[in-house]
């Protein structure tokens, strides 16, 4: 008990900087492709390499994407925003400064709601600003502090980024993981983000440990407490799960240091995922170290009116609520069916043609269940969803049994890329006729007198045994519910 009380005397305060690669065809300040599949250092030009005399030209699509995100986060978009140069040297930053936004970001003062362990939380969004991505470093033969050497690929240099900066509203690593999942969900619904791209979402987290009594009942932390507590910035986090692990480790490291009377250094630390630890990289830079000044080659940006003109799709929370009211789904089914826009769209297509409950069972339980078992995503079969619709049609029109559709046809479709009708024909899964089923029922009763006697003696398992015998005789092509009814009628 003493240990538990000791653990409660310190509280964790976390704020995030989430770097989101925006889904555009070309880079933010030049016409180079953003295609990540090309050979290293082949998607470059004088602009993204920072060669003398090269001038940036702003990508309109990147600005539109930023405005969409601002609308989704209920953020304000100022009448005028501008770009700055952030000066620092790093091998993957070819011109030794980054074009970004400083004191006039495109999105300001927003909020995102999410659920963690059944409780609704709201985290404040301080700002979201546009900037260019640096290149990428490839550490060879080890991690950042153990590699034999490092390669630089400038293909990523200039890919449009939106950096979303939260308020220090998180009080634990599990909240961070839930927030990131919700944020990614919203970004994918907006169509501005592709989670399958390597490095498309990267997280820097600022973490401090303060006395527990510095946290107000509403979760707020006094500015004085935050200023007096040295914070660390944890970099190189690239997933929801990684964020939870990295921040759980860092919180424990800082708490242990404080309890042992050691100072927590204000520094930047690297999350080494392979070892599950954070390691010191350098002392933490302050704002003045970057020597911000206005980007003279880009004029001020005035797009506040776009917030009214640009439309965004129905977002996940609103769609969840509509699925419950319009289709009569429970909250669990609605949650499953709205995890991605592709799944939600597909469900609505199926529900328009078949019973909404049948559609929910097949999309939320059968299809997603089989995909999860194979560690697959619905996007991997996006071009074959019409085949899944055909399978549901075969079940809805009683051409095959749900059991055969689930256990044979769907699995062969996913494992072998087979067409549903071809599987049904090859495996002989078409439903047996009424006469065939009746003959199988009579034969099962005649061949299993002990089970018949057990049934009349009131043993419930006997009918299940007889149903199994009939299913075996019909090759699984009979409907178990129909067989059960026919057996009971015959036995009575």
Protein backbone atom coordinates (compact mmCIF):
# COMPACT_ATOMS: atom_id res chain seq x y z
CA UNK A 1 0.00 0.00 0.00
CA UNK A 2 2.86 2.37 0.79
CA UNK A 3 4.25 1.77 -2.67
CA UNK A 4 0.90 2.60 -4.27
CA UNK A 5 0.73 5.90 -2.36
CA UNK A 6 4.26 6.71 -3.40
CA UNK A 7 3.36 6.17 -7.05
CA UNK A 8 0.47 8.64 -6.77
CA UNK A 9 2.50 11.68 -5.71
CA UNK A 10 3.61 12.52 -9.26
CA UNK A 11 1.53 13.28 -12.35
CA UNK A 12 2.42 13.14 -16.04
CA UNK A 13 1.76 16.04 -18.43
CA UNK A 14 2.04 15.39 -22.17
CA UNK A 15 1.65 17.55 -25.26
CA UNK A 16 2.02 16.32 -28.84
CA UNK A 17 3.39 17.58 -32.12
CA UNK A 18 1.89 15.33 -34.79
CA UNK A 19 3.45 15.58 -38.24
CA UNK A 20 0.98 14.50 -40.92
CA UNK A 21 2.03 13.99 -44.53
CA UNK A 22 -0.73 15.45 -46.68
CA UNK A 23 -1.87 13.35 -49.61
CA UNK A 24 -0.98 15.43 -52.67
CA UNK A 25 0.46 14.46 -56.06
CA UNK A 26 3.33 16.92 -55.87
CA UNK A 27 5.47 18.51 -53.16
CA UNK A 28 4.46 21.65 -51.30
CA UNK A 29 6.79 24.10 -53.04
CA UNK A 30 7.71 22.39 -56.33
CA UNK A 31 6.36 20.02 -58.98
CA UNK A 32 8.30 16.89 -57.88
CA UNK A 33 6.21 13.78 -57.33
CA UNK A 34 5.41 12.59 -53.80
CA UNK A 35 5.33 8.95 -54.94
CA UNK A 36 7.22 7.04 -52.21
CA UNK A 37 7.96 4.01 -54.40
CA UNK A 38 10.70 5.58 -56.51
CA UNK A 39 14.42 4.93 -56.15
CA UNK A 40 16.23 7.12 -53.57
CA UNK A 41 17.13 10.66 -54.66
CA UNK A 42 15.24 10.50 -57.96
CA UNK A 43 12.25 12.74 -57.03
CA UNK A 44 14.21 15.95 -56.58
CA UNK A 45 14.75 19.33 -58.25
CA UNK A 46 16.63 22.58 -57.51
CA UNK A 47 13.74 23.81 -55.32
CA UNK A 48 13.46 20.86 -52.94
CA UNK A 49 17.25 20.49 -52.88
CA UNK A 50 17.62 24.14 -51.94
CA UNK A 51 19.95 25.06 -54.79
CA UNK A 52 20.86 28.77 -55.17
CA UNK A 53 18.34 30.82 -57.11
CA UNK A 54 15.50 28.25 -56.90
CA UNK A 55 12.18 29.80 -55.83
CA UNK A 56 9.26 28.04 -54.05
CA UNK A 57 5.69 28.05 -55.42
CA UNK A 58 2.95 27.05 -52.97
CA UNK A 59 0.86 23.94 -53.72
CA UNK A 60 -2.84 24.88 -53.61
CA UNK A 61 -3.93 21.30 -52.84
CA UNK A 62 -1.85 21.29 -49.66
CA UNK A 63 -3.57 24.49 -48.49
CA UNK A 64 -7.01 23.03 -49.23
CA UNK A 65 -6.12 19.93 -47.21
CA UNK A 66 -5.03 22.10 -44.27
CA UNK A 67 -8.32 24.00 -44.37
CA UNK A 68 -10.27 20.72 -44.35
CA UNK A 69 -8.37 19.59 -41.26
CA UNK A 70 -9.06 22.96 -39.65
CA UNK A 71 -12.79 22.54 -40.24
CA UNK A 72 -12.75 19.01 -38.80
CA UNK A 73 -10.94 20.27 -35.69
CA UNK A 74 -13.29 23.24 -35.36
CA UNK A 75 -10.26 25.54 -35.57
CA UNK A 76 -10.21 29.16 -36.63
CA UNK A 77 -8.47 30.19 -39.85
CA UNK A 78 -7.04 33.71 -39.65
CA UNK A 79 -7.55 36.33 -42.32
CA UNK A 80 -3.85 36.27 -43.10
CA UNK A 81 -1.17 33.65 -42.54
CA UNK A 82 2.43 33.61 -43.66
CA UNK A 83 5.50 31.40 -43.98
CA UNK A 84 8.80 31.65 -42.13
CA UNK A 85 12.25 30.11 -42.30
CA UNK A 86 13.22 27.89 -39.38
CA UNK A 87 17.01 27.74 -39.35
CA UNK A 88 18.88 24.66 -38.20
CA UNK A 89 21.44 22.28 -39.61
CA UNK A 90 20.66 18.61 -40.08
CA UNK A 91 21.88 16.27 -42.86
CA UNK A 92 18.38 15.65 -44.27
CA UNK A 93 17.58 19.39 -44.54
CA UNK A 94 19.38 20.32 -47.77
CA UNK A 95 19.11 24.12 -47.57
CA UNK A 96 19.79 24.32 -43.79
CA UNK A 97 16.41 25.88 -43.11
CA UNK A 98 12.85 24.64 -43.24
CA UNK A 99 9.99 26.65 -44.73
CA UNK A 100 7.27 26.52 -42.09
CA UNK A 101 4.78 28.77 -40.29
CA UNK A 102 5.64 30.49 -37.03
CA UNK A 103 3.38 33.01 -35.31
CA UNK A 104 0.61 33.01 -37.96
CA UNK A 105 -0.34 29.35 -38.51
CA UNK A 106 -3.17 28.46 -40.87
CA UNK A 107 -5.24 26.72 -38.15
CA UNK A 108 -5.58 27.94 -34.55
CA UNK A 109 -7.48 27.06 -31.37
CA UNK A 110 -9.24 23.82 -32.25
CA UNK A 111 -10.34 20.73 -30.36
CA UNK A 112 -10.68 16.99 -30.91
CA UNK A 113 -12.92 14.68 -28.89
CA UNK A 114 -12.14 11.00 -28.44
CA UNK A 115 -12.95 8.11 -26.11
CA UNK A 116 -10.55 6.37 -23.78
CA UNK A 117 -11.75 3.41 -21.72
CA UNK A 118 -15.36 4.46 -22.29
CA UNK A 119 -14.84 8.07 -21.17
CA UNK A 120 -15.14 11.01 -23.55
CA UNK A 121 -12.15 13.36 -23.55
CA UNK A 122 -11.46 16.59 -25.38
CA UNK A 123 -7.94 17.76 -26.16
CA UNK A 124 -7.22 21.31 -27.21
CA UNK A 125 -5.44 21.92 -30.51
CA UNK A 126 -3.15 24.89 -30.10
CA UNK A 127 -2.27 25.21 -33.79
CA UNK A 128 -1.77 23.37 -37.06
CA UNK A 129 0.70 24.76 -39.53
CA UNK A 130 1.95 23.92 -43.00
CA UNK A 131 5.59 23.12 -43.64
CA UNK A 132 7.89 21.02 -45.80
CA UNK A 133 9.11 17.59 -44.78
CA UNK A 134 12.88 17.08 -44.54
CA UNK A 135 14.53 14.17 -46.33
CA UNK A 136 14.91 10.82 -44.60
CA UNK A 137 17.91 9.21 -42.96
CA UNK A 138 18.59 5.48 -43.35
CA UNK A 139 20.74 4.20 -40.48
CA UNK A 140 22.73 1.19 -41.62
CA UNK A 141 23.81 -1.58 -39.28
CA UNK A 142 22.05 -0.29 -36.18
CA UNK A 143 19.92 2.46 -34.68
CA UNK A 144 20.65 6.18 -34.59
CA UNK A 145 23.34 5.82 -31.91
CA UNK A 146 24.83 2.47 -33.04
CA UNK A 147 24.69 2.60 -36.88
CA UNK A 148 27.88 2.01 -38.87
CA UNK A 149 26.90 4.78 -41.26
CA UNK A 150 23.83 6.72 -42.42
CA UNK A 151 22.41 7.29 -45.91
CA UNK A 152 20.30 10.31 -46.90
CA UNK A 153 17.33 10.12 -49.28
CA UNK A 154 15.99 13.51 -50.42
CA UNK A 155 12.88 12.14 -52.15
CA UNK A 156 10.84 13.08 -49.06
CA UNK A 157 12.30 16.60 -48.85
CA UNK A 158 9.47 19.00 -49.67
CA UNK A 159 6.55 16.61 -49.17
CA UNK A 160 3.75 18.72 -47.60
CA UNK A 161 3.38 18.36 -43.85
CA UNK A 162 0.72 19.62 -41.49
CA UNK A 163 2.09 19.80 -37.96
CA UNK A 164 -0.73 19.57 -35.41
CA UNK A 165 0.29 20.87 -31.98
CA UNK A 166 -1.89 20.00 -29.00
CA UNK A 167 -2.16 21.66 -25.64
CA UNK A 168 -0.53 19.73 -22.74
CA UNK A 169 -3.85 18.06 -22.01
CA UNK A 170 -2.79 14.40 -21.84
CA UNK A 171 -2.34 12.75 -18.45
CA UNK A 172 -1.17 9.34 -19.60
CA UNK A 173 0.21 7.34 -22.50
CA UNK A 174 -3.06 5.45 -23.01
CA UNK A 175 -4.83 8.76 -23.70
CA UNK A 176 -2.22 9.60 -26.33
CA UNK A 177 -2.79 6.29 -28.12
CA UNK A 178 -6.58 6.79 -28.17
CA UNK A 179 -6.21 10.37 -29.42
CA UNK A 180 -3.87 9.36 -32.27
CA UNK A 181 -6.26 6.62 -33.39
CA UNK A 182 -9.12 9.12 -33.51
CA UNK A 183 -7.04 11.76 -35.29
CA UNK A 184 -5.93 9.28 -37.95
CA UNK A 185 -9.54 8.18 -38.40
CA UNK A 186 -10.64 11.78 -39.02
CA UNK A 187 -7.74 12.46 -41.42
CA UNK A 188 -8.59 9.39 -43.50
CA UNK A 189 -12.27 10.39 -43.67
CA UNK A 190 -11.17 13.78 -44.99
CA UNK A 191 -9.17 12.10 -47.76
CA UNK A 192 -6.03 14.11 -46.97
CA UNK A 193 -3.92 11.30 -45.50
CA UNK A 194 -2.77 7.79 -46.42
CA UNK A 195 -1.80 5.71 -43.38
CA UNK A 196 -0.18 3.04 -45.56
CA UNK A 197 2.65 5.38 -46.53
CA UNK A 198 5.83 4.82 -44.56
CA UNK A 199 6.38 7.76 -42.22
CA UNK A 200 3.04 9.37 -43.07
CA UNK A 201 2.35 10.13 -39.41
CA UNK A 202 5.20 10.92 -37.02
CA UNK A 203 4.92 12.06 -33.44
CA UNK A 204 7.11 14.20 -31.21
CA UNK A 205 5.92 14.25 -27.62
CA UNK A 206 6.80 16.67 -24.84
CA UNK A 207 6.54 15.05 -21.42
CA UNK A 208 6.94 16.54 -17.95
CA UNK A 209 6.39 15.13 -14.48
CA UNK A 210 4.84 17.43 -11.86
CA UNK A 211 3.61 17.06 -8.30
CA UNK A 212 0.19 15.48 -8.26
CA UNK A 213 -1.30 18.39 -6.30
CA UNK A 214 -0.40 20.72 -9.20
CA UNK A 215 -3.17 19.10 -11.26
CA UNK A 216 -6.54 20.78 -10.83
CA UNK A 217 -9.76 18.71 -10.48
CA UNK A 218 -10.59 19.51 -14.13
CA UNK A 219 -7.17 18.20 -15.24
CA UNK A 220 -5.59 21.61 -15.82
CA UNK A 221 -2.01 22.21 -14.69
CA UNK A 222 -0.80 25.58 -13.49
CA UNK A 223 1.65 27.32 -15.82
CA UNK A 224 4.08 27.80 -12.93
CA UNK A 225 4.24 24.04 -12.37
CA UNK A 226 4.87 23.38 -16.05
CA UNK A 227 7.59 26.02 -16.25
CA UNK A 228 9.41 24.68 -13.21
CA UNK A 229 9.34 21.08 -14.46
CA UNK A 230 11.97 20.28 -17.06
CA UNK A 231 10.46 18.50 -20.03
CA UNK A 232 11.87 16.08 -22.52
CA UNK A 233 10.96 15.87 -26.16
CA UNK A 234 10.67 12.28 -27.38
CA UNK A 235 11.20 11.90 -31.14
CA UNK A 236 11.02 9.11 -33.71
CA UNK A 237 7.56 7.82 -32.75
CA UNK A 238 5.69 6.51 -35.76
CA UNK A 239 2.63 4.60 -34.50
CA UNK A 240 -0.14 4.66 -31.89
CA UNK A 241 1.27 1.63 -30.14
CA UNK A 242 4.79 3.06 -30.31
CA UNK A 243 3.58 6.31 -28.73
CA UNK A 244 2.03 4.47 -25.80
CA UNK A 245 5.18 2.40 -25.24
CA UNK A 246 7.59 5.32 -25.61
CA UNK A 247 5.68 7.63 -23.29
CA UNK A 248 5.05 4.93 -20.69
CA UNK A 249 8.79 4.29 -20.61
CA UNK A 250 9.70 7.98 -20.46
CA UNK A 251 7.17 8.70 -17.69
CA UNK A 252 8.60 5.86 -15.60
CA UNK A 253 12.18 7.01 -16.29
CA UNK A 254 11.46 10.57 -15.14
CA UNK A 255 9.50 9.50 -12.06
CA UNK A 256 12.28 7.15 -11.00
CA UNK A 257 14.86 9.90 -11.47
CA UNK A 258 12.86 12.36 -9.34
CA UNK A 259 12.31 9.84 -6.55
CA UNK A 260 16.03 9.13 -6.46
CA UNK A 261 16.79 12.81 -6.10
CA UNK A 262 18.17 13.24 -9.61
CA UNK A 263 17.42 16.17 -11.90
CA UNK A 264 15.44 15.62 -15.10
CA UNK A 265 17.40 17.23 -17.90
CA UNK A 266 15.61 19.32 -20.51
CA UNK A 267 16.64 17.44 -23.61
CA UNK A 268 15.57 15.76 -26.82
CA UNK A 269 15.46 11.97 -26.62
CA UNK A 270 15.18 9.35 -29.34
CA UNK A 271 12.71 6.46 -29.06
CA UNK A 272 14.61 3.28 -29.91
CA UNK A 273 11.76 0.95 -30.79
CA UNK A 274 13.94 -2.14 -31.13
CA UNK A 275 15.21 -1.79 -27.54
CA UNK A 276 12.07 -0.24 -26.09
CA UNK A 277 13.93 2.69 -24.49
CA UNK A 278 14.53 6.40 -25.04
CA UNK A 279 18.12 7.60 -25.46
CA UNK A 280 19.50 11.11 -25.18
CA UNK A 281 20.14 12.87 -28.51
CA UNK A 282 20.95 16.48 -27.59
CA UNK A 283 20.00 19.30 -25.28
CA UNK A 284 16.52 20.67 -26.01
CA UNK A 285 16.53 23.64 -28.36
CA UNK A 286 14.61 26.74 -27.43
CA UNK A 287 12.55 28.86 -29.80
CA UNK A 288 15.28 31.49 -30.09
CA UNK A 289 17.76 28.86 -31.33
CA UNK A 290 15.87 28.54 -34.62
CA UNK A 291 16.18 32.24 -35.56
CA UNK A 292 12.81 32.44 -37.32
CA UNK A 293 12.35 35.11 -39.96
CA UNK A 294 9.79 35.65 -42.70
CA UNK A 295 10.10 33.72 -45.96
CA UNK A 296 10.62 36.53 -48.45
CA UNK A 297 9.91 34.35 -51.50
CA UNK A 298 6.30 33.55 -50.50
CA UNK A 299 3.63 36.26 -50.12
CA UNK A 300 1.09 36.25 -47.24
CA UNK A 301 -1.68 33.69 -47.59
CA UNK A 302 -5.32 34.78 -47.36
CA UNK A 303 -7.69 31.79 -47.40
CA UNK A 304 -10.04 32.35 -44.43
CA UNK A 305 -13.05 32.36 -46.79
CA UNK A 306 -12.18 28.81 -47.92
CA UNK A 307 -13.52 27.45 -44.63
CA UNK A 308 -17.04 28.32 -45.84
CA UNK A 309 -16.45 27.25 -49.43
CA UNK A 310 -14.66 23.92 -48.98
CA UNK A 311 -16.91 21.00 -48.08
CA UNK A 312 -15.82 18.08 -45.91
CA UNK A 313 -17.46 14.64 -45.69
CA UNK A 314 -19.53 13.37 -42.79
CA UNK A 315 -17.03 12.64 -40.01
CA UNK A 316 -16.81 9.38 -38.00
CA UNK A 317 -18.78 10.46 -34.90
CA UNK A 318 -21.66 11.88 -36.92
CA UNK A 319 -21.75 8.79 -39.13
CA UNK A 320 -21.78 6.50 -36.09
CA UNK A 321 -24.81 8.28 -34.69
CA UNK A 322 -26.60 8.17 -38.04
CA UNK A 323 -25.96 4.44 -38.47
CA UNK A 324 -27.65 3.83 -35.11
CA UNK A 325 -30.71 5.95 -35.89
CA UNK A 326 -31.08 5.22 -39.61
CA UNK A 327 -30.22 1.51 -39.65
CA UNK A 328 -31.11 0.56 -36.07
CA UNK A 329 -27.60 -0.69 -35.29
CA UNK A 330 -26.25 -1.03 -31.78
CA UNK A 331 -23.26 1.09 -30.76
CA UNK A 332 -20.79 -1.78 -31.10
CA UNK A 333 -21.78 -2.52 -34.69
CA UNK A 334 -21.81 1.19 -35.57
CA UNK A 335 -18.30 1.56 -34.14
CA UNK A 336 -16.96 -1.33 -36.23
CA UNK A 337 -18.61 -0.10 -39.41
CA UNK A 338 -17.24 3.43 -39.18
CA UNK A 339 -13.61 2.73 -38.28
CA UNK A 340 -12.65 3.67 -41.84
CA UNK A 341 -14.50 5.53 -44.55
CA UNK A 342 -14.04 2.61 -46.96
CA UNK A 343 -15.81 0.21 -44.58
CA UNK A 344 -18.62 2.69 -43.87
CA UNK A 345 -19.17 3.37 -47.57
CA UNK A 346 -19.23 -0.35 -48.36
CA UNK A 347 -21.73 -1.04 -45.58
CA UNK A 348 -24.09 1.62 -46.90
CA UNK A 349 -23.86 0.13 -50.40
CA UNK A 350 -24.76 -3.33 -49.04
CA UNK A 351 -27.47 -2.00 -46.73
CA UNK A 352 -29.12 -0.29 -49.70
CA UNK A 353 -29.55 -3.68 -51.39
CA UNK A 354 -30.14 -6.04 -48.46
CA UNK A 355 -31.47 -6.05 -44.91
CA UNK A 356 -29.34 -3.63 -42.81
CA UNK A 357 -28.89 -6.21 -40.03
CA UNK A 358 -27.73 -8.85 -42.52
CA UNK A 359 -25.39 -6.30 -44.09
CA UNK A 360 -24.00 -5.36 -40.66
CA UNK A 361 -23.39 -9.00 -39.73
CA UNK A 362 -21.53 -9.72 -42.94
CA UNK A 363 -19.48 -6.53 -43.11
CA UNK A 364 -18.75 -5.91 -39.42
CA UNK A 365 -18.41 -9.49 -38.18
CA UNK A 366 -17.68 -11.87 -41.04
CA UNK A 367 -15.65 -9.75 -43.47
CA UNK A 368 -13.75 -7.61 -40.95
CA UNK A 369 -13.22 -10.63 -38.70
CA UNK A 370 -11.60 -12.64 -41.50
CA UNK A 371 -9.52 -9.65 -42.60
CA UNK A 372 -8.27 -9.04 -39.05
CA UNK A 373 -7.36 -12.72 -38.71
CA UNK A 374 -5.18 -12.36 -41.82
CA UNK A 375 -3.77 -9.00 -40.67
CA UNK A 376 -5.32 -7.42 -43.75
CA UNK A 377 -7.02 -4.09 -44.29
CA UNK A 378 -10.18 -3.50 -46.30
CA UNK A 379 -8.18 -1.32 -48.69
CA UNK A 380 -6.34 -4.48 -49.81
CA UNK A 381 -9.57 -5.86 -51.31
CA UNK A 382 -11.13 -2.54 -52.32
CA UNK A 383 -11.31 -3.64 -55.95
CA UNK A 384 -13.14 -6.86 -55.02
CA UNK A 385 -15.91 -5.53 -52.79
CA UNK A 386 -18.44 -6.31 -55.54
CA UNK A 387 -17.52 -9.99 -55.07
CA UNK A 388 -18.25 -9.70 -51.34
CA UNK A 389 -21.61 -8.13 -52.24
CA UNK A 390 -22.29 -11.10 -54.51
CA UNK A 391 -21.51 -13.50 -51.65
CA UNK A 392 -23.97 -11.66 -49.39
CA UNK A 393 -26.54 -11.89 -52.19
CA UNK A 394 -26.06 -15.67 -52.37
CA UNK A 395 -26.83 -15.88 -48.65
CA UNK A 396 -29.73 -13.42 -48.77
CA UNK A 397 -31.43 -15.34 -51.60
CA UNK A 398 -30.91 -18.71 -49.88
CA UNK A 399 -28.70 -20.06 -52.67
CA UNK A 400 -26.06 -21.16 -50.14
CA UNK A 401 -26.03 -21.51 -46.38
CA UNK A 402 -24.51 -18.83 -44.19
CA UNK A 403 -22.19 -21.48 -42.72
CA UNK A 404 -20.78 -22.45 -46.12
CA UNK A 405 -20.55 -18.82 -47.17
CA UNK A 406 -18.59 -17.94 -44.04
CA UNK A 407 -16.40 -21.02 -43.57
CA UNK A 408 -15.65 -21.92 -47.17
CA UNK A 409 -16.49 -19.29 -49.77
CA UNK A 410 -15.32 -16.14 -47.97
CA UNK A 411 -12.10 -17.79 -46.79
CA UNK A 412 -11.23 -19.06 -50.26
CA UNK A 413 -12.00 -15.62 -51.68
CA UNK A 414 -9.50 -14.01 -49.29
CA UNK A 415 -6.86 -16.75 -49.37
CA UNK A 416 -6.90 -17.65 -53.05
CA UNK A 417 -8.53 -14.65 -54.72
CA UNK A 418 -11.37 -16.92 -55.87
CA UNK A 419 -14.69 -15.73 -57.28
CA UNK A 420 -17.65 -16.64 -55.02
CA UNK A 421 -19.73 -18.29 -57.74
CA UNK A 422 -16.73 -20.34 -58.85
CA UNK A 423 -16.17 -21.57 -55.29
CA UNK A 424 -19.84 -22.51 -54.90
CA UNK A 425 -19.78 -24.48 -58.15
CA UNK A 426 -16.43 -26.16 -57.52
CA UNK A 427 -17.29 -27.21 -53.95
CA UNK A 428 -20.91 -28.13 -54.76
CA UNK A 429 -22.25 -25.76 -52.11
CA UNK A 430 -25.58 -24.89 -53.72
CA UNK A 431 -28.46 -25.52 -51.33
CA UNK A 432 -30.04 -28.96 -51.48
CA UNK A 433 -33.64 -29.19 -52.66
CA UNK A 434 -36.47 -29.86 -50.25
CA UNK A 435 -36.73 -33.50 -51.36
CA UNK A 436 -33.04 -34.13 -50.81
CA UNK A 437 -33.15 -32.64 -47.32
CA UNK A 438 -36.27 -34.63 -46.42
CA UNK A 439 -34.61 -37.85 -47.58
CA UNK A 440 -31.51 -37.04 -45.54
CA UNK A 441 -33.67 -36.34 -42.46
CA UNK A 442 -35.47 -39.66 -42.77
CA UNK A 443 -32.20 -41.53 -43.30
CA UNK A 444 -30.57 -39.89 -40.25
CA UNK A 445 -33.52 -40.87 -38.06
CA UNK A 446 -33.52 -44.43 -39.36
CA UNK A 447 -29.75 -44.90 -38.95
CA UNK A 448 -29.51 -43.46 -35.43
CA UNK A 449 -32.17 -45.04 -33.20
CA UNK A 450 -30.19 -44.34 -30.02
CA UNK A 451 -30.19 -40.62 -30.74
CA UNK A 452 -33.92 -40.75 -31.50
CA UNK A 453 -34.52 -42.45 -28.15
CA UNK A 454 -32.38 -39.87 -26.36
CA UNK A 455 -34.39 -37.09 -28.02
CA UNK A 456 -37.67 -38.56 -26.77
CA UNK A 457 -36.11 -38.89 -23.31
CA UNK A 458 -35.52 -35.13 -23.32
CA UNK A 459 -31.78 -35.01 -23.93
CA UNK A 460 -31.16 -31.71 -25.73
CA UNK A 461 -27.91 -32.76 -27.37
CA UNK A 462 -29.62 -35.49 -29.40
CA UNK A 463 -31.22 -33.09 -31.85
CA UNK A 464 -27.88 -31.39 -32.46
CA UNK A 465 -26.31 -34.76 -33.24
CA UNK A 466 -29.06 -35.56 -35.75
CA UNK A 467 -28.73 -32.12 -37.38
CA UNK A 468 -25.03 -32.87 -37.81
CA UNK A 469 -25.82 -36.18 -39.48
CA UNK A 470 -28.15 -34.49 -41.96
CA UNK A 471 -25.62 -31.76 -42.68
CA UNK A 472 -23.02 -34.43 -43.36
CA UNK A 473 -25.32 -36.25 -45.77
CA UNK A 474 -26.09 -33.04 -47.67
CA UNK A 475 -22.46 -31.91 -47.78
CA UNK A 476 -23.27 -28.89 -45.66
CA UNK A 477 -25.60 -27.52 -48.32
CA UNK A 478 -28.72 -27.60 -46.15
CA UNK A 479 -29.71 -24.80 -43.83
CA UNK A 480 -29.22 -25.96 -40.21
CA UNK A 481 -32.30 -24.10 -39.02
CA UNK A 482 -34.49 -25.76 -41.68
CA UNK A 483 -33.00 -29.14 -40.85
CA UNK A 484 -33.75 -28.66 -37.14
CA UNK A 485 -37.39 -27.89 -37.88
CA UNK A 486 -37.78 -30.85 -40.27
CA UNK A 487 -36.21 -33.23 -37.76
CA UNK A 488 -38.47 -32.10 -34.93
CA UNK A 489 -41.55 -32.40 -37.15
CA UNK A 490 -40.56 -35.91 -38.25
CA UNK A 491 -39.68 -37.03 -34.70
CA UNK A 492 -42.99 -35.77 -33.31
